[in-house]
Amino acid sequence: VQLMESGGGLVQAGGSLRISCAASGNIGSINVLGWYRQGPGNKRELVARITRGGSTNYADSVKGRFIISRDNAKNAVYLQMNSLKPEDTAVYYCNDYYNANAWGQGTQVTVSS
């Protein structure tokens, strides 16, 4: 199953954005999906993950602001980002948490102050 990110853009601090991850096949075959990000000069980090059943975990830096969700019927995973901060600026990626595939191009999110 290949994954492709979309929906990034430029947003002002305090704003919201929803990014999407579309699967080429049955996303339900992936037990745990993760959203990751890599900011300028930083290592790639896990932002949030969601199990097939809908259980979620978040990095402390986004807890209470970001919401991960998945729609197995639409073969998609989403990341709703609220109260965005300049430090959220990064390229965002989705991937299989336990069996990572080659990383895609990601989607750029830029938060202006």
PDB file of N, CA and C in Angstrom:
ATOM      1  N   VAL A   1       0.851  -1.184   0.000  1.00  0.00           N
ATOM      2  CA  VAL A   1       0.000   0.000   0.000  1.00  0.00           C
ATOM      3  C   VAL A   1       0.892   1.240   0.000  1.00  0.00           C
ATOM      4  N   GLN A   2       0.704   2.070  -1.011  1.00  0.00           N
ATOM      5  CA  GLN A   2       1.462   3.324  -1.070  1.00  0.00           C
ATOM      6  C   GLN A   2       0.613   4.446  -0.487  1.00  0.00           C
ATOM      7  N   LEU A   3       1.294   5.381   0.155  1.00  0.00           N
ATOM      8  CA  LEU A   3       0.620   6.489   0.813  1.00  0.00           C
ATOM      9  C   LEU A   3       1.067   7.812   0.210  1.00  0.00           C
ATOM     10  N   MET A   4       0.142   8.736   0.038  1.00  0.00           N
ATOM     11  CA  MET A   4       0.472  10.031  -0.538  1.00  0.00           C
ATOM     12  C   MET A   4      -0.178  11.148   0.275  1.00  0.00           C
ATOM     13  N   GLU A   5       0.652  12.097   0.664  1.00  0.00           N
ATOM     14  CA  GLU A   5       0.196  13.203   1.490  1.00  0.00           C
ATOM     15  C   GLU A   5      -0.253  14.389   0.630  1.00  0.00           C
ATOM     16  N   SER A   6      -1.179  15.154   1.152  1.00  0.00           N
ATOM     17  CA  SER A   6      -1.641  16.360   0.467  1.00  0.00           C
ATOM     18  C   SER A   6      -2.303  17.301   1.459  1.00  0.00           C
ATOM     19  N   GLY A   7      -2.524  18.531   1.001  1.00  0.00           N
ATOM     20  CA  GLY A   7      -3.300  19.470   1.791  1.00  0.00           C
ATOM     21  C   GLY A   7      -2.504  20.506   2.556  1.00  0.00           C
ATOM     22  N   GLY A   8      -1.197  20.473   2.438  1.00  0.00           N
ATOM     23  CA  GLY A   8      -0.382  21.452   3.142  1.00  0.00           C
ATOM     24  C   GLY A   8      -0.544  22.844   2.548  1.00  0.00           C
ATOM     25  N   GLY A   9       0.055  23.808   3.215  1.00  0.00           N
ATOM     26  CA  GLY A   9      -0.029  25.176   2.725  1.00  0.00           C
ATOM     27  C   GLY A   9       0.540  26.156   3.712  1.00  0.00           C
ATOM     28  N   LEU A  10       0.267  27.434   3.445  1.00  0.00           N
ATOM     29  CA  LEU A  10       0.729  28.519   4.305  1.00  0.00           C
ATOM     30  C   LEU A  10      -0.438  28.994   5.160  1.00  0.00           C
ATOM     31  N   VAL A  11      -0.216  29.100   6.441  1.00  0.00           N
ATOM     32  CA  VAL A  11      -1.269  29.526   7.359  1.00  0.00           C
ATOM     33  C   VAL A  11      -0.657  30.420   8.433  1.00  0.00           C
ATOM     34  N   GLN A  12      -1.441  31.348   8.929  1.00  0.00           N
ATOM     35  CA  GLN A  12      -0.958  32.223   9.994  1.00  0.00           C
ATOM     36  C   GLN A  12      -0.996  31.511  11.340  1.00  0.00           C
ATOM     37  N   ALA A  13      -0.144  31.944  12.220  1.00  0.00           N
ATOM     38  CA  ALA A  13      -0.146  31.390  13.571  1.00  0.00           C
ATOM     39  C   ALA A  13      -1.538  31.525  14.179  1.00  0.00           C
ATOM     40  N   GLY A  14      -1.958  30.463  14.839  1.00  0.00           N
ATOM     41  CA  GLY A  14      -3.290  30.437  15.419  1.00  0.00           C
ATOM     42  C   GLY A  14      -4.338  29.842  14.510  1.00  0.00           C
ATOM     43  N   GLY A  15      -3.980  29.648  13.271  1.00  0.00           N
ATOM     44  CA  GLY A  15      -4.916  29.111  12.294  1.00  0.00           C
ATOM     45  C   GLY A  15      -4.987  27.601  12.320  1.00  0.00           C
ATOM     46  N   SER A  16      -5.783  27.061  11.392  1.00  0.00           N
ATOM     47  CA  SER A  16      -6.002  25.622  11.303  1.00  0.00           C
ATOM     48  C   SER A  16      -5.763  25.132   9.888  1.00  0.00           C
ATOM     49  N   LEU A  17      -5.469  23.854   9.811  1.00  0.00           N
ATOM     50  CA  LEU A  17      -5.240  23.218   8.512  1.00  0.00           C
ATOM     51  C   LEU A  17      -5.499  21.725   8.683  1.00  0.00           C
ATOM     52  N   ARG A  18      -6.072  21.105   7.666  1.00  0.00           N
ATOM     53  CA  ARG A  18      -6.228  19.648   7.689  1.00  0.00           C
ATOM     54  C   ARG A  18      -5.450  19.071   6.522  1.00  0.00           C
ATOM     55  N   ILE A  19      -4.577  18.136   6.826  1.00  0.00           N
ATOM     56  CA  ILE A  19      -3.829  17.450   5.792  1.00  0.00           C
ATOM     57  C   ILE A  19      -4.316  16.014   5.686  1.00  0.00           C
ATOM     58  N   SER A  20      -4.125  15.451   4.492  1.00  0.00           N
ATOM     59  CA  SER A  20      -4.667  14.129   4.202  1.00  0.00           C
ATOM     60  C   SER A  20      -3.577  13.186   3.733  1.00  0.00           C
ATOM     61  N   CYS A  21      -3.853  11.918   3.939  1.00  0.00           N
ATOM     62  CA  CYS A  21      -2.954  10.867   3.470  1.00  0.00           C
ATOM     63  C   CYS A  21      -3.826   9.830   2.781  1.00  0.00           C
ATOM     64  N   ALA A  22      -3.649   9.680   1.489  1.00  0.00           N
ATOM     65  CA  ALA A  22      -4.462   8.752   0.707  1.00  0.00           C
ATOM     66  C   ALA A  22      -3.666   7.492   0.408  1.00  0.00           C
ATOM     67  N   ALA A  23      -4.335   6.355   0.545  1.00  0.00           N
ATOM     68  CA  ALA A  23      -3.691   5.069   0.303  1.00  0.00           C
ATOM     69  C   ALA A  23      -4.075   4.527  -1.064  1.00  0.00           C
ATOM     70  N   SER A  24      -3.124   3.848  -1.698  1.00  0.00           N
ATOM     71  CA  SER A  24      -3.386   3.270  -3.018  1.00  0.00           C
ATOM     72  C   SER A  24      -4.202   1.996  -2.918  1.00  0.00           C
ATOM     73  N   GLY A  25      -4.250   1.439  -1.717  1.00  0.00           N
ATOM     74  CA  GLY A  25      -5.002   0.202  -1.524  1.00  0.00           C
ATOM     75  C   GLY A  25      -5.766   0.231  -0.230  1.00  0.00           C
ATOM     76  N   ASN A  26      -5.989  -0.926   0.329  1.00  0.00           N
ATOM     77  CA  ASN A  26      -6.783  -1.054   1.545  1.00  0.00           C
ATOM     78  C   ASN A  26      -6.013  -0.572   2.764  1.00  0.00           C
ATOM     79  N   ILE A  27      -6.351   0.618   3.227  1.00  0.00           N
ATOM     80  CA  ILE A  27      -5.645   1.184   4.376  1.00  0.00           C
ATOM     81  C   ILE A  27      -5.965   0.408   5.637  1.00  0.00           C
ATOM     82  N   GLY A  28      -7.060  -0.322   5.612  1.00  0.00           N
ATOM     83  CA  GLY A  28      -7.406  -1.150   6.755  1.00  0.00           C
ATOM     84  C   GLY A  28      -6.416  -2.271   7.011  1.00  0.00           C
ATOM     85  N   SER A  29      -5.583  -2.563   6.029  1.00  0.00           N
ATOM     86  CA  SER A  29      -4.566  -3.599   6.204  1.00  0.00           C
ATOM     87  C   SER A  29      -3.407  -3.117   7.069  1.00  0.00           C
ATOM     88  N   ILE A  30      -3.351  -1.811   7.296  1.00  0.00           N
ATOM     89  CA  ILE A  30      -2.282  -1.230   8.118  1.00  0.00           C
ATOM     90  C   ILE A  30      -2.808  -1.054   9.536  1.00  0.00           C
ATOM     91  N   ASN A  31      -2.182  -1.730  10.487  1.00  0.00           N
ATOM     92  CA  ASN A  31      -2.659  -1.704  11.861  1.00  0.00           C
ATOM     93  C   ASN A  31      -2.533  -0.320  12.483  1.00  0.00           C
ATOM     94  N   VAL A  32      -1.335   0.244  12.397  1.00  0.00           N
ATOM     95  CA  VAL A  32      -1.096   1.554  13.000  1.00  0.00           C
ATOM     96  C   VAL A  32      -0.495   2.490  11.952  1.00  0.00           C
ATOM     97  N   LEU A  33      -1.123   3.638  11.813  1.00  0.00           N
ATOM     98  CA  LEU A  33      -0.641   4.657  10.878  1.00  0.00           C
ATOM     99  C   LEU A  33      -0.120   5.847  11.658  1.00  0.00           C
ATOM    100  N   GLY A  34       0.932   6.423  11.163  1.00  0.00           N
ATOM    101  CA  GLY A  34       1.512   7.566  11.844  1.00  0.00           C
ATOM    102  C   GLY A  34       1.660   8.769  10.943  1.00  0.00           C
ATOM    103  N   TRP A  35       1.513   9.941  11.548  1.00  0.00           N
ATOM    104  CA  TRP A  35       1.889  11.193  10.911  1.00  0.00           C
ATOM    105  C   TRP A  35       3.215  11.629  11.517  1.00  0.00           C
ATOM    106  N   TYR A  36       4.143  11.999  10.653  1.00  0.00           N
ATOM    107  CA  TYR A  36       5.459  12.434  11.067  1.00  0.00           C
ATOM    108  C   TYR A  36       5.729  13.815  10.474  1.00  0.00           C
ATOM    109  N   ARG A  37       6.741  14.477  10.998  1.00  0.00           N
ATOM    110  CA  ARG A  37       7.135  15.752  10.406  1.00  0.00           C
ATOM    111  C   ARG A  37       8.640  15.956  10.538  1.00  0.00           C
ATOM    112  N   GLN A  38       9.151  16.738   9.618  1.00  0.00           N
ATOM    113  CA  GLN A  38      10.566  17.092   9.669  1.00  0.00           C
ATOM    114  C   GLN A  38      10.682  18.572   9.379  1.00  0.00           C
ATOM    115  N   GLY A  39      11.050  19.316  10.414  1.00  0.00           N
ATOM    116  CA  GLY A  39      11.234  20.746  10.277  1.00  0.00           C
ATOM    117  C   GLY A  39      12.637  21.073   9.824  1.00  0.00           C
ATOM    118  N   PRO A  40      12.883  22.318   9.456  1.00  0.00           N
ATOM    119  CA  PRO A  40      14.203  22.740   8.982  1.00  0.00           C
ATOM    120  C   PRO A  40      15.293  22.432  10.008  1.00  0.00           C
ATOM    121  N   GLY A  41      16.280  21.668   9.591  1.00  0.00           N
ATOM    122  CA  GLY A  41      17.392  21.341  10.469  1.00  0.00           C
ATOM    123  C   GLY A  41      17.087  20.321  11.542  1.00  0.00           C
ATOM    124  N   ASN A  42      15.900  19.733  11.488  1.00  0.00           N
ATOM    125  CA  ASN A  42      15.501  18.773  12.529  1.00  0.00           C
ATOM    126  C   ASN A  42      15.401  17.354  11.978  1.00  0.00           C
ATOM    127  N   LYS A  43      15.424  16.393  12.873  1.00  0.00           N
ATOM    128  CA  LYS A  43      15.182  15.011  12.478  1.00  0.00           C
ATOM    129  C   LYS A  43      13.683  14.801  12.308  1.00  0.00           C
ATOM    130  N   ARG A  44      13.328  13.778  11.556  1.00  0.00           N
ATOM    131  CA  ARG A  44      11.921  13.434  11.416  1.00  0.00           C
ATOM    132  C   ARG A  44      11.404  12.924  12.756  1.00  0.00           C
ATOM    133  N   GLU A  45      10.227  13.379  13.140  1.00  0.00           N
ATOM    134  CA  GLU A  45       9.657  12.979  14.422  1.00  0.00           C
ATOM    135  C   GLU A  45       8.219  12.529  14.241  1.00  0.00           C
ATOM    136  N   LEU A  46       7.791  11.644  15.120  1.00  0.00           N
ATOM    137  CA  LEU A  46       6.408  11.179  15.122  1.00  0.00           C
ATOM    138  C   LEU A  46       5.528  12.241  15.768  1.00  0.00           C
ATOM    139  N   VAL A  47       4.461  12.593  15.095  1.00  0.00           N
ATOM    140  CA  VAL A  47       3.531  13.605  15.595  1.00  0.00           C
ATOM    141  C   VAL A  47       2.319  12.938  16.244  1.00  0.00           C
ATOM    142  N   ALA A  48       1.777  11.941  15.557  1.00  0.00           N
ATOM    143  CA  ALA A  48       0.579  11.269  16.053  1.00  0.00           C
ATOM    144  C   ALA A  48       0.464   9.907  15.375  1.00  0.00           C
ATOM    145  N   ARG A  49      -0.221   9.006  16.025  1.00  0.00           N
ATOM    146  CA  ARG A  49      -0.472   7.693  15.432  1.00  0.00           C
ATOM    147  C   ARG A  49      -1.863   7.235  15.807  1.00  0.00           C
ATOM    148  N   ILE A  50      -2.394   6.340  14.970  1.00  0.00           N
ATOM    149  CA  ILE A  50      -3.756   5.849  15.185  1.00  0.00           C
ATOM    150  C   ILE A  50      -3.816   4.381  14.810  1.00  0.00           C
ATOM    151  N   THR A  51      -4.473   3.601  15.643  1.00  0.00           N
ATOM    152  CA  THR A  51      -4.623   2.174  15.366  1.00  0.00           C
ATOM    153  C   THR A  51      -5.807   1.935  14.442  1.00  0.00           C
ATOM    154  N   ARG A  52      -5.909   0.699  13.983  1.00  0.00           N
ATOM    155  CA  ARG A  52      -7.024   0.327  13.126  1.00  0.00           C
ATOM    156  C   ARG A  52      -8.349   0.571  13.838  1.00  0.00           C
ATOM    157  N   GLY A  53      -8.342   0.391  15.131  1.00  0.00           N
ATOM    158  CA  GLY A  53      -9.565   0.563  15.896  1.00  0.00           C
ATOM    159  C   GLY A  53      -9.845   1.993  16.322  1.00  0.00           C
ATOM    160  N   GLY A  54      -8.893   2.892  16.050  1.00  0.00           N
ATOM    161  CA  GLY A  54      -9.140   4.295  16.339  1.00  0.00           C
ATOM    162  C   GLY A  54      -8.467   4.843  17.587  1.00  0.00           C
ATOM    163  N   SER A  55      -7.670   4.037  18.271  1.00  0.00           N
ATOM    164  CA  SER A  55      -6.924   4.552  19.425  1.00  0.00           C
ATOM    165  C   SER A  55      -5.806   5.461  18.927  1.00  0.00           C
ATOM    166  N   THR A  56      -5.582   6.553  19.670  1.00  0.00           N
ATOM    167  CA  THR A  56      -4.624   7.556  19.210  1.00  0.00           C
ATOM    168  C   THR A  56      -3.575   7.884  20.259  1.00  0.00           C
ATOM    169  N   ASN A  57      -2.440   8.349  19.791  1.00  0.00           N
ATOM    170  CA  ASN A  57      -1.371   8.864  20.643  1.00  0.00           C
ATOM    171  C   ASN A  57      -0.779  10.090  19.968  1.00  0.00           C
ATOM    172  N   TYR A  58      -0.338  11.044  20.795  1.00  0.00           N
ATOM    173  CA  TYR A  58       0.195  12.287  20.257  1.00  0.00           C
ATOM    174  C   TYR A  58       1.518  12.650  20.920  1.00  0.00           C
ATOM    175  N   ALA A  59       2.358  13.326  20.177  1.00  0.00           N
ATOM    176  CA  ALA A  59       3.551  13.918  20.762  1.00  0.00           C
ATOM    177  C   ALA A  59       3.107  15.025  21.711  1.00  0.00           C
ATOM    178  N   ASP A  60       3.867  15.223  22.763  1.00  0.00           N
ATOM    179  CA  ASP A  60       3.501  16.250  23.749  1.00  0.00           C
ATOM    180  C   ASP A  60       3.368  17.628  23.099  1.00  0.00           C
ATOM    181  N   SER A  61       4.178  17.876  22.095  1.00  0.00           N
ATOM    182  CA  SER A  61       4.200  19.202  21.476  1.00  0.00           C
ATOM    183  C   SER A  61       2.911  19.540  20.721  1.00  0.00           C
ATOM    184  N   VAL A  62       2.099  18.537  20.387  1.00  0.00           N
ATOM    185  CA  VAL A  62       0.878  18.801  19.622  1.00  0.00           C
ATOM    186  C   VAL A  62      -0.377  18.365  20.368  1.00  0.00           C
ATOM    187  N   LYS A  63      -0.197  17.759  21.514  1.00  0.00           N
ATOM    188  CA  LYS A  63      -1.344  17.249  22.267  1.00  0.00           C
ATOM    189  C   LYS A  63      -2.306  18.381  22.582  1.00  0.00           C
ATOM    190  N   GLY A  64      -3.579  18.162  22.321  1.00  0.00           N
ATOM    191  CA  GLY A  64      -4.590  19.169  22.566  1.00  0.00           C
ATOM    192  C   GLY A  64      -4.815  20.117  21.404  1.00  0.00           C
ATOM    193  N   ARG A  65      -3.934  20.052  20.403  1.00  0.00           N
ATOM    194  CA  ARG A  65      -4.065  20.931  19.240  1.00  0.00           C
ATOM    195  C   ARG A  65      -4.325  20.148  17.950  1.00  0.00           C
ATOM    196  N   PHE A  66      -3.728  18.977  17.828  1.00  0.00           N
ATOM    197  CA  PHE A  66      -3.849  18.167  16.617  1.00  0.00           C
ATOM    198  C   PHE A  66      -4.773  16.980  16.877  1.00  0.00           C
ATOM    199  N   ILE A  67      -5.472  16.578  15.830  1.00  0.00           N
ATOM    200  CA  ILE A  67      -6.347  15.411  15.913  1.00  0.00           C
ATOM    201  C   ILE A  67      -6.099  14.527  14.697  1.00  0.00           C
ATOM    202  N   ILE A  68      -5.734  13.275  14.957  1.00  0.00           N
ATOM    203  CA  ILE A  68      -5.549  12.307  13.884  1.00  0.00           C
ATOM    204  C   ILE A  68      -6.807  11.464  13.762  1.00  0.00           C
ATOM    205  N   SER A  69      -7.174  11.165  12.537  1.00  0.00           N
ATOM    206  CA  SER A  69      -8.344  10.316  12.313  1.00  0.00           C
ATOM    207  C   SER A  69      -8.099   9.481  11.059  1.00  0.00           C
ATOM    208  N   ARG A  70      -8.852   8.429  10.939  1.00  0.00           N
ATOM    209  CA  ARG A  70      -8.723   7.591   9.753  1.00  0.00           C
ATOM    210  C   ARG A  70     -10.096   7.173   9.280  1.00  0.00           C
ATOM    211  N   ASP A  71     -10.230   7.033   7.981  1.00  0.00           N
ATOM    212  CA  ASP A  71     -11.473   6.573   7.374  1.00  0.00           C
ATOM    213  C   ASP A  71     -11.109   5.377   6.514  1.00  0.00           C
ATOM    214  N   ASN A  72     -11.284   4.191   7.067  1.00  0.00           N
ATOM    215  CA  ASN A  72     -10.879   2.982   6.352  1.00  0.00           C
ATOM    216  C   ASN A  72     -11.698   2.789   5.077  1.00  0.00           C
ATOM    217  N   ALA A  73     -12.923   3.256   5.077  1.00  0.00           N
ATOM    218  CA  ALA A  73     -13.769   3.111   3.891  1.00  0.00           C
ATOM    219  C   ALA A  73     -13.256   3.969   2.737  1.00  0.00           C
ATOM    220  N   LYS A  74     -12.653   5.105   3.081  1.00  0.00           N
ATOM    221  CA  LYS A  74     -12.111   6.003   2.060  1.00  0.00           C
ATOM    222  C   LYS A  74     -10.609   5.815   1.869  1.00  0.00           C
ATOM    223  N   ASN A  75     -10.059   4.853   2.606  1.00  0.00           N
ATOM    224  CA  ASN A  75      -8.608   4.602   2.511  1.00  0.00           C
ATOM    225  C   ASN A  75      -7.808   5.878   2.741  1.00  0.00           C
ATOM    226  N   ALA A  76      -8.107   6.563   3.827  1.00  0.00           N
ATOM    227  CA  ALA A  76      -7.454   7.838   4.100  1.00  0.00           C
ATOM    228  C   ALA A  76      -7.225   8.045   5.584  1.00  0.00           C
ATOM    229  N   VAL A  77      -6.197   8.825   5.866  1.00  0.00           N
ATOM    230  CA  VAL A  77      -5.895   9.255   7.225  1.00  0.00           C
ATOM    231  C   VAL A  77      -5.760  10.771   7.190  1.00  0.00           C
ATOM    232  N   TYR A  78      -6.210  11.409   8.246  1.00  0.00           N
ATOM    233  CA  TYR A  78      -6.201  12.866   8.276  1.00  0.00           C
ATOM    234  C   TYR A  78      -5.484  13.371   9.524  1.00  0.00           C
ATOM    235  N   LEU A  79      -4.995  14.589   9.423  1.00  0.00           N
ATOM    236  CA  LEU A  79      -4.440  15.261  10.587  1.00  0.00           C
ATOM    237  C   LEU A  79      -5.020  16.671  10.620  1.00  0.00           C
ATOM    238  N   GLN A  80      -5.902  16.892  11.571  1.00  0.00           N
ATOM    239  CA  GLN A  80      -6.480  18.219  11.778  1.00  0.00           C
ATOM    240  C   GLN A  80      -5.557  18.978  12.718  1.00  0.00           C
ATOM    241  N   MET A  81      -5.052  20.102  12.264  1.00  0.00           N
ATOM    242  CA  MET A  81      -4.095  20.878  13.041  1.00  0.00           C
ATOM    243  C   MET A  81      -4.714  22.225  13.405  1.00  0.00           C
ATOM    244  N   ASN A  82      -4.853  22.463  14.679  1.00  0.00           N
ATOM    245  CA  ASN A  82      -5.443  23.701  15.184  1.00  0.00           C
ATOM    246  C   ASN A  82      -4.420  24.475  16.002  1.00  0.00           C
ATOM    247  N   SER A  83      -4.705  25.743  16.208  1.00  0.00           N
ATOM    248  CA  SER A  83      -3.819  26.601  17.005  1.00  0.00           C
ATOM    249  C   SER A  83      -2.369  26.448  16.558  1.00  0.00           C
ATOM    250  N   LEU A  84      -2.171  26.540  15.280  1.00  0.00           N
ATOM    251  CA  LEU A  84      -0.844  26.298  14.719  1.00  0.00           C
ATOM    252  C   LEU A  84       0.162  27.341  15.188  1.00  0.00           C
ATOM    253  N   LYS A  85       1.392  26.887  15.347  1.00  0.00           N
ATOM    254  CA  LYS A  85       2.492  27.732  15.785  1.00  0.00           C
ATOM    255  C   LYS A  85       3.598  27.715  14.731  1.00  0.00           C
ATOM    256  N   PRO A  86       4.416  28.741  14.709  1.00  0.00           N
ATOM    257  CA  PRO A  86       5.526  28.747  13.731  1.00  0.00           C
ATOM    258  C   PRO A  86       6.407  27.499  13.845  1.00  0.00           C
ATOM    259  N   GLU A  87       6.553  26.964  15.039  1.00  0.00           N
ATOM    260  CA  GLU A  87       7.396  25.778  15.211  1.00  0.00           C
ATOM    261  C   GLU A  87       6.756  24.513  14.652  1.00  0.00           C
ATOM    262  N   ASP A  88       5.511  24.598  14.203  1.00  0.00           N
ATOM    263  CA  ASP A  88       4.885  23.468  13.516  1.00  0.00           C
ATOM    264  C   ASP A  88       5.279  23.410  12.040  1.00  0.00           C
ATOM    265  N   THR A  89       5.971  24.426  11.584  1.00  0.00           N
ATOM    266  CA  THR A  89       6.424  24.447  10.195  1.00  0.00           C
ATOM    267  C   THR A  89       7.308  23.250   9.908  1.00  0.00           C
ATOM    268  N   ALA A  90       6.938  22.484   8.901  1.00  0.00           N
ATOM    269  CA  ALA A  90       7.654  21.251   8.587  1.00  0.00           C
ATOM    270  C   ALA A  90       7.054  20.614   7.347  1.00  0.00           C
ATOM    271  N   VAL A  91       7.744  19.607   6.853  1.00  0.00           N
ATOM    272  CA  VAL A  91       7.157  18.715   5.864  1.00  0.00           C
ATOM    273  C   VAL A  91       6.529  17.561   6.643  1.00  0.00           C
ATOM    274  N   TYR A  92       5.290  17.300   6.359  1.00  0.00           N
ATOM    275  CA  TYR A  92       4.540  16.258   7.068  1.00  0.00           C
ATOM    276  C   TYR A  92       4.399  15.011   6.184  1.00  0.00           C
ATOM    277  N   TYR A  93       4.612  13.858   6.819  1.00  0.00           N
ATOM    278  CA  TYR A  93       4.568  12.578   6.129  1.00  0.00           C
ATOM    279  C   TYR A  93       3.649  11.609   6.877  1.00  0.00           C
ATOM    280  N   CYS A  94       3.096  10.675   6.145  1.00  0.00           N
ATOM    281  CA  CYS A  94       2.380   9.586   6.789  1.00  0.00           C
ATOM    282  C   CYS A  94       3.080   8.278   6.426  1.00  0.00           C
ATOM    283  N   ASN A  95       2.959   7.304   7.300  1.00  0.00           N
ATOM    284  CA  ASN A  95       3.599   6.020   7.040  1.00  0.00           C
ATOM    285  C   ASN A  95       3.033   4.966   7.974  1.00  0.00           C
ATOM    286  N   ASP A  96       3.272   3.730   7.597  1.00  0.00           N
ATOM    287  CA  ASP A  96       2.938   2.584   8.431  1.00  0.00           C
ATOM    288  C   ASP A  96       3.865   2.610   9.639  1.00  0.00           C
ATOM    289  N   TYR A  97       3.307   2.627  10.839  1.00  0.00           N
ATOM    290  CA  TYR A  97       4.125   2.823  12.048  1.00  0.00           C
ATOM    291  C   TYR A  97       5.059   1.646  12.301  1.00  0.00           C
ATOM    292  N   TYR A  98       4.592   0.422  12.087  1.00  0.00           N
ATOM    293  CA  TYR A  98       5.411  -0.757  12.395  1.00  0.00           C
ATOM    294  C   TYR A  98       6.175  -1.291  11.187  1.00  0.00           C
ATOM    295  N   ASN A  99       5.709  -0.992   9.999  1.00  0.00           N
ATOM    296  CA  ASN A  99       6.357  -1.497   8.775  1.00  0.00           C
ATOM    297  C   ASN A  99       6.510  -0.351   7.786  1.00  0.00           C
ATOM    298  N   ALA A 100       7.405   0.559   8.117  1.00  0.00           N
ATOM    299  CA  ALA A 100       7.537   1.781   7.331  1.00  0.00           C
ATOM    300  C   ALA A 100       7.941   1.472   5.887  1.00  0.00           C
ATOM    301  N   ASN A 101       7.246   2.129   4.986  1.00  0.00           N
ATOM    302  CA  ASN A 101       7.596   2.068   3.572  1.00  0.00           C
ATOM    303  C   ASN A 101       8.576   3.197   3.260  1.00  0.00           C
ATOM    304  N   ALA A 102       9.024   3.246   2.019  1.00  0.00           N
ATOM    305  CA  ALA A 102       9.850   4.374   1.595  1.00  0.00           C
ATOM    306  C   ALA A 102       9.043   5.656   1.788  1.00  0.00           C
ATOM    307  N   TRP A 103       9.709   6.677   2.266  1.00  0.00           N
ATOM    308  CA  TRP A 103       9.016   7.924   2.536  1.00  0.00           C
ATOM    309  C   TRP A 103       8.596   8.606   1.245  1.00  0.00           C
ATOM    310  N   GLY A 104       7.393   9.167   1.274  1.00  0.00           N
ATOM    311  CA  GLY A 104       6.896   9.910   0.127  1.00  0.00           C
ATOM    312  C   GLY A 104       7.449  11.322   0.113  1.00  0.00           C
ATOM    313  N   GLN A 105       6.851  12.163  -0.711  1.00  0.00           N
ATOM    314  CA  GLN A 105       7.318  13.546  -0.813  1.00  0.00           C
ATOM    315  C   GLN A 105       6.832  14.397   0.344  1.00  0.00           C
ATOM    316  N   GLY A 106       5.803  13.949   1.015  1.00  0.00           N
ATOM    317  CA  GLY A 106       5.266  14.728   2.121  1.00  0.00           C
ATOM    318  C   GLY A 106       4.488  15.943   1.628  1.00  0.00           C
ATOM    319  N   THR A 107       3.984  16.688   2.582  1.00  0.00           N
ATOM    320  CA  THR A 107       3.267  17.925   2.260  1.00  0.00           C
ATOM    321  C   THR A 107       3.780  19.025   3.173  1.00  0.00           C
ATOM    322  N   GLN A 108       4.110  20.158   2.576  1.00  0.00           N
ATOM    323  CA  GLN A 108       4.726  21.260   3.320  1.00  0.00           C
ATOM    324  C   GLN A 108       3.667  22.067   4.056  1.00  0.00           C
ATOM    325  N   VAL A 109       3.907  22.262   5.337  1.00  0.00           N
ATOM    326  CA  VAL A 109       3.074  23.140   6.152  1.00  0.00           C
ATOM    327  C   VAL A 109       3.957  24.263   6.667  1.00  0.00           C
ATOM    328  N   THR A 110       3.559  25.490   6.369  1.00  0.00           N
ATOM    329  CA  THR A 110       4.316  26.653   6.804  1.00  0.00           C
ATOM    330  C   THR A 110       3.409  27.551   7.627  1.00  0.00           C
ATOM    331  N   VAL A 111       3.839  27.837   8.839  1.00  0.00           N
ATOM    332  CA  VAL A 111       3.065  28.684   9.740  1.00  0.00           C
ATOM    333  C   VAL A 111       3.817  29.990   9.931  1.00  0.00           C
ATOM    334  N   SER A 112       3.189  31.070   9.542  1.00  0.00           N
ATOM    335  CA  SER A 112       3.820  32.381   9.656  1.00  0.00           C
ATOM    336  C   SER A 112       3.431  33.047  10.980  1.00  0.00           C
ATOM    337  N   SER A 113       4.355  33.806  11.506  1.00  0.00           N
ATOM    338  CA  SER A 113       4.108  34.463  12.801  1.00  0.00           C
ATOM    339  C   SER A 113       3.427  35.816  12.620  1.00  0.00           C
TER     340      SER A 113
END
